[in-house]
Amino acid sequence: MASVKRYNIFCQKCQHNFPVFASVYHTIDVDKWVKEKADSHDCKSYADALAKARAPRPINPIKLSKKKA
């Protein structure tokens, strides 16, 4: 039985660590699995997701008007 673990995988192409949550069974070679995940990593979509997550969020104008009052 396997439990879900967080693996930080390093991508050689974009030089980033990216998290993967997975349930890896004891019959799977973890080093080989991590290498496959790093090789199949989509660097562009990961960079886009990071940029979107780090971008400042717009303030709701209704909440802003109540804050000024």
Protein backbone atom coordinates (compact mmCIF):
# COMPACT_ATOMS: atom_id res chain seq x y z
CA MET A 1 0.00 0.00 0.00
CA ALA A 2 1.32 3.42 -0.88
CA SER A 3 0.50 6.80 0.53
CA VAL A 4 0.43 10.10 -1.30
CA LYS A 5 3.71 11.98 -1.04
CA ARG A 6 5.01 15.25 -2.38
CA TYR A 7 8.02 14.96 -4.64
CA ASN A 8 10.06 18.03 -5.61
CA ILE A 9 11.42 17.27 -9.06
CA PHE A 10 14.18 19.34 -10.65
CA CYS A 11 13.87 20.13 -14.36
CA GLN A 12 17.22 20.39 -16.13
CA LYS A 13 15.71 22.40 -19.02
CA CYS A 14 14.18 25.30 -17.09
CA GLN A 15 16.23 24.97 -13.87
CA HIS A 16 13.12 24.88 -11.62
CA ASN A 17 11.92 22.58 -8.90
CA PHE A 18 8.29 21.65 -9.38
CA PRO A 19 6.06 19.69 -6.99
CA VAL A 20 4.30 16.47 -7.92
CA PHE A 21 1.87 14.77 -5.56
CA ALA A 22 1.74 11.07 -6.29
CA SER A 23 1.06 7.67 -4.88
CA VAL A 24 4.06 5.61 -5.99
CA TYR A 25 3.77 1.92 -5.25
CA HIS A 26 6.67 -0.08 -3.86
CA THR A 27 7.10 -1.99 -7.13
CA ILE A 28 7.98 1.20 -9.06
CA ASP A 29 11.58 2.41 -9.21
CA VAL A 30 11.28 5.94 -7.81
CA ASP A 31 14.50 7.25 -9.37
CA LYS A 32 13.39 6.12 -12.83
CA TRP A 33 9.91 7.58 -12.26
CA VAL A 34 11.33 10.96 -11.17
CA LYS A 35 13.59 11.05 -14.23
CA GLU A 36 10.61 10.35 -16.52
CA LYS A 37 8.61 13.15 -14.85
CA ALA A 38 11.50 15.59 -15.23
CA ASP A 39 11.92 14.68 -18.91
CA SER A 40 8.21 15.11 -19.66
CA HIS A 41 7.90 18.42 -17.77
CA ASP A 42 6.21 21.20 -19.76
CA CYS A 43 8.37 24.20 -18.87
CA LYS A 44 6.29 26.83 -20.68
CA SER A 45 2.98 25.93 -19.06
CA TYR A 46 4.65 25.72 -15.63
CA ALA A 47 6.18 29.20 -16.10
CA ASP A 48 2.78 30.56 -17.21
CA ALA A 49 1.09 29.06 -14.14
CA LEU A 50 3.74 30.57 -11.84
CA ALA A 51 3.35 34.00 -13.45
CA LYS A 52 -0.43 33.83 -13.10
CA ALA A 53 -0.21 32.77 -9.45
CA ARG A 54 2.28 35.53 -8.60
CA ALA A 55 0.47 38.32 -10.46
CA PRO A 56 -1.34 40.88 -8.31
CA ARG A 57 -5.07 40.33 -8.19
CA PRO A 58 -7.41 43.18 -9.07
CA ILE A 59 -9.37 44.69 -6.21
CA ASN A 60 -13.13 44.33 -6.33
CA PRO A 61 -14.50 47.89 -6.93
CA ILE A 62 -17.44 47.30 -4.58
CA LYS A 63 -15.16 46.38 -1.70
CA LEU A 64 -12.88 49.30 -2.55
CA SER A 65 -15.77 51.80 -2.39
CA LYS A 66 -16.86 50.43 1.01
CA LYS A 67 -13.30 50.68 2.28
CA LYS A 68 -13.08 54.39 1.36
CA ALA A 69 -16.37 55.23 3.10
